[in-house]
Amino acid sequence: MSTDLSACLSGDEILALKFAAHRQLSRWASKPSLSAHQHAQRAALKRAVHVLQDKALARGCKLRADNEGDG
């Protein structure tokens, strides 16, 4: 990864992330039980999908590192 603290995602990359997230959520939905770690990751993934659904991101977005809480 570069040392640049920001990166851009295209609309197609956002669609790919949504597809992959929905696929993983579907896998977890069919699993009879999840570990505590998987539950936490599932919750985080659901929040991420919710953010990615925002129509303002349809053409892409710029990401930046959140440095709050760092040293």
N, C-alpha and C. Protein backbone atom coordinates (compact mmCIF):
# COMPACT_ATOMS: atom_id res chain seq x y z
N MET A 1 0.83 -1.18 0.00
CA MET A 1 0.00 0.00 0.00
C MET A 1 0.87 1.24 0.00
N SER A 2 0.42 2.28 -0.63
CA SER A 2 1.22 3.50 -0.68
C SER A 2 1.15 4.22 0.66
N THR A 3 2.03 5.20 0.84
CA THR A 3 2.03 5.98 2.08
C THR A 3 1.00 7.10 2.02
N ASP A 4 0.36 7.30 0.87
CA ASP A 4 -0.70 8.28 0.74
C ASP A 4 -1.85 7.90 1.65
N LEU A 5 -2.37 8.87 2.40
CA LEU A 5 -3.43 8.58 3.37
C LEU A 5 -4.82 8.60 2.76
N SER A 6 -4.93 8.80 1.45
CA SER A 6 -6.24 8.77 0.83
C SER A 6 -6.17 7.96 -0.46
N ALA A 7 -7.30 7.41 -0.82
CA ALA A 7 -7.42 6.62 -2.04
C ALA A 7 -8.82 6.84 -2.60
N CYS A 8 -8.98 6.52 -3.85
CA CYS A 8 -10.29 6.69 -4.49
C CYS A 8 -10.83 5.33 -4.92
N LEU A 9 -12.15 5.21 -4.85
CA LEU A 9 -12.85 4.03 -5.35
C LEU A 9 -13.78 4.48 -6.45
N SER A 10 -13.79 3.75 -7.56
CA SER A 10 -14.72 4.05 -8.65
C SER A 10 -16.09 3.49 -8.30
N GLY A 11 -17.09 3.89 -9.05
CA GLY A 11 -18.43 3.34 -8.87
C GLY A 11 -18.44 1.84 -9.04
N ASP A 12 -17.68 1.33 -10.02
CA ASP A 12 -17.60 -0.12 -10.24
C ASP A 12 -16.97 -0.83 -9.05
N GLU A 13 -15.96 -0.21 -8.45
CA GLU A 13 -15.32 -0.82 -7.28
C GLU A 13 -16.27 -0.85 -6.09
N ILE A 14 -17.08 0.18 -5.95
CA ILE A 14 -18.07 0.21 -4.87
C ILE A 14 -19.11 -0.89 -5.10
N LEU A 15 -19.54 -1.07 -6.35
CA LEU A 15 -20.48 -2.16 -6.66
C LEU A 15 -19.87 -3.52 -6.34
N ALA A 16 -18.59 -3.69 -6.64
CA ALA A 16 -17.92 -4.95 -6.34
C ALA A 16 -17.85 -5.20 -4.84
N LEU A 17 -17.59 -4.15 -4.07
CA LEU A 17 -17.56 -4.29 -2.61
C LEU A 17 -18.94 -4.66 -2.06
N LYS A 18 -19.98 -4.03 -2.59
CA LYS A 18 -21.34 -4.35 -2.15
C LYS A 18 -21.67 -5.81 -2.48
N PHE A 19 -21.31 -6.25 -3.67
CA PHE A 19 -21.56 -7.64 -4.08
C PHE A 19 -20.85 -8.60 -3.13
N ALA A 20 -19.57 -8.35 -2.87
CA ALA A 20 -18.80 -9.23 -2.00
C ALA A 20 -19.36 -9.23 -0.57
N ALA A 21 -19.76 -8.07 -0.10
CA ALA A 21 -20.32 -7.98 1.25
C ALA A 21 -21.63 -8.75 1.35
N HIS A 22 -22.51 -8.58 0.37
CA HIS A 22 -23.77 -9.30 0.38
C HIS A 22 -23.54 -10.82 0.29
N ARG A 23 -22.56 -11.21 -0.48
CA ARG A 23 -22.25 -12.64 -0.61
C ARG A 23 -21.79 -13.22 0.73
N GLN A 24 -20.92 -12.48 1.43
CA GLN A 24 -20.45 -12.96 2.74
C GLN A 24 -21.58 -12.97 3.76
N LEU A 25 -22.42 -11.94 3.75
CA LEU A 25 -23.56 -11.91 4.67
C LEU A 25 -24.49 -13.10 4.41
N SER A 26 -24.66 -13.44 3.14
CA SER A 26 -25.48 -14.59 2.79
C SER A 26 -24.87 -15.89 3.31
N ARG A 27 -23.56 -16.02 3.21
CA ARG A 27 -22.88 -17.21 3.74
C ARG A 27 -23.10 -17.33 5.24
N TRP A 28 -22.94 -16.21 5.95
CA TRP A 28 -23.12 -16.24 7.39
C TRP A 28 -24.57 -16.50 7.76
N ALA A 29 -25.51 -16.04 6.94
CA ALA A 29 -26.93 -16.25 7.24
C ALA A 29 -27.29 -17.73 7.20
N SER A 30 -26.60 -18.49 6.37
CA SER A 30 -26.91 -19.93 6.25
C SER A 30 -26.13 -20.79 7.24
N LYS A 31 -25.29 -20.16 8.03
CA LYS A 31 -24.50 -20.89 9.02
C LYS A 31 -25.29 -20.99 10.32
N PRO A 32 -25.37 -22.21 10.91
CA PRO A 32 -26.19 -22.37 12.11
C PRO A 32 -25.71 -21.55 13.31
N SER A 33 -24.41 -21.37 13.45
CA SER A 33 -23.90 -20.57 14.57
C SER A 33 -22.63 -19.84 14.14
N LEU A 34 -22.44 -18.69 14.75
CA LEU A 34 -21.26 -17.88 14.45
C LEU A 34 -20.48 -17.66 15.73
N SER A 35 -19.17 -17.51 15.59
CA SER A 35 -18.34 -17.19 16.75
C SER A 35 -18.57 -15.72 17.12
N ALA A 36 -18.09 -15.33 18.27
CA ALA A 36 -18.21 -13.93 18.71
C ALA A 36 -17.51 -13.01 17.70
N HIS A 37 -16.36 -13.45 17.22
CA HIS A 37 -15.62 -12.66 16.23
C HIS A 37 -16.43 -12.51 14.94
N GLN A 38 -17.05 -13.59 14.49
CA GLN A 38 -17.86 -13.54 13.27
C GLN A 38 -19.07 -12.64 13.46
N HIS A 39 -19.68 -12.68 14.65
CA HIS A 39 -20.81 -11.78 14.93
C HIS A 39 -20.38 -10.32 14.82
N ALA A 40 -19.22 -10.01 15.39
CA ALA A 40 -18.71 -8.64 15.34
C ALA A 40 -18.41 -8.23 13.90
N GLN A 41 -17.80 -9.13 13.14
CA GLN A 41 -17.49 -8.82 11.74
C GLN A 41 -18.77 -8.68 10.92
N ARG A 42 -19.76 -9.51 11.21
CA ARG A 42 -21.04 -9.42 10.50
C ARG A 42 -21.70 -8.07 10.75
N ALA A 43 -21.68 -7.63 12.00
CA ALA A 43 -22.27 -6.33 12.33
C ALA A 43 -21.52 -5.20 11.61
N ALA A 44 -20.20 -5.27 11.59
CA ALA A 44 -19.40 -4.25 10.92
C ALA A 44 -19.68 -4.27 9.41
N LEU A 45 -19.81 -5.45 8.85
CA LEU A 45 -20.08 -5.57 7.42
C LEU A 45 -21.46 -5.02 7.07
N LYS A 46 -22.44 -5.26 7.92
CA LYS A 46 -23.78 -4.70 7.70
C LYS A 46 -23.73 -3.17 7.71
N ARG A 47 -22.96 -2.59 8.66
CA ARG A 47 -22.83 -1.12 8.70
C ARG A 47 -22.14 -0.61 7.44
N ALA A 48 -21.12 -1.32 6.99
CA ALA A 48 -20.40 -0.91 5.77
C ALA A 48 -21.31 -0.96 4.56
N VAL A 49 -22.12 -2.01 4.44
CA VAL A 49 -23.05 -2.12 3.32
C VAL A 49 -24.05 -0.97 3.36
N HIS A 50 -24.51 -0.64 4.56
CA HIS A 50 -25.45 0.47 4.70
C HIS A 50 -24.83 1.77 4.16
N VAL A 51 -23.57 2.01 4.48
CA VAL A 51 -22.88 3.21 3.98
C VAL A 51 -22.73 3.14 2.46
N LEU A 52 -22.36 1.97 1.94
CA LEU A 52 -22.15 1.82 0.50
C LEU A 52 -23.44 1.97 -0.30
N GLN A 53 -24.60 1.82 0.34
CA GLN A 53 -25.88 1.96 -0.36
C GLN A 53 -26.19 3.42 -0.69
N ASP A 54 -25.49 4.36 -0.07
CA ASP A 54 -25.74 5.78 -0.28
C ASP A 54 -25.58 6.13 -1.76
N LYS A 55 -26.62 6.67 -2.34
CA LYS A 55 -26.61 7.00 -3.77
C LYS A 55 -25.54 8.03 -4.12
N ALA A 56 -25.11 8.81 -3.14
CA ALA A 56 -24.05 9.80 -3.38
C ALA A 56 -22.73 9.12 -3.75
N LEU A 57 -22.61 7.84 -3.45
CA LEU A 57 -21.38 7.10 -3.75
C LEU A 57 -21.43 6.38 -5.09
N ALA A 58 -22.53 6.48 -5.80
CA ALA A 58 -22.72 5.72 -7.04
C ALA A 58 -21.64 5.98 -8.08
N ARG A 59 -21.08 7.18 -8.09
CA ARG A 59 -20.05 7.51 -9.09
C ARG A 59 -18.65 7.36 -8.54
N GLY A 60 -18.54 6.96 -7.28
CA GLY A 60 -17.23 6.78 -6.68
C GLY A 60 -17.07 7.63 -5.43
N CYS A 61 -15.95 7.46 -4.76
CA CYS A 61 -15.70 8.23 -3.55
C CYS A 61 -14.20 8.26 -3.27
N LYS A 62 -13.83 9.17 -2.41
CA LYS A 62 -12.45 9.27 -1.96
C LYS A 62 -12.41 8.81 -0.51
N LEU A 63 -11.46 7.96 -0.20
CA LEU A 63 -11.30 7.45 1.15
C LEU A 63 -10.16 8.19 1.84
N ARG A 64 -10.28 8.31 3.14
CA ARG A 64 -9.17 8.89 3.89
C ARG A 64 -9.00 8.11 5.17
N ALA A 65 -7.79 8.07 5.65
CA ALA A 65 -7.49 7.36 6.90
C ALA A 65 -8.04 8.16 8.07
N ASP A 66 -8.63 7.46 9.01
CA ASP A 66 -9.10 8.09 10.24
C ASP A 66 -8.00 7.91 11.26
N ASN A 67 -7.31 8.98 11.57
CA ASN A 67 -6.16 8.90 12.48
C ASN A 67 -6.52 9.23 13.91
N GLU A 68 -7.82 9.36 14.21
CA GLU A 68 -8.22 9.63 15.58
C GLU A 68 -7.79 8.48 16.46
N GLY A 69 -7.33 8.79 17.64
CA GLY A 69 -6.93 7.76 18.57
C GLY A 69 -5.52 7.27 18.38
N ASP A 70 -4.86 7.70 17.31
CA ASP A 70 -3.47 7.30 17.11
C ASP A 70 -2.56 8.09 18.03
N GLY A 71 -1.57 7.39 18.58
CA GLY A 71 -0.53 7.88 19.42
C GLY A 71 -0.44 9.23 19.81
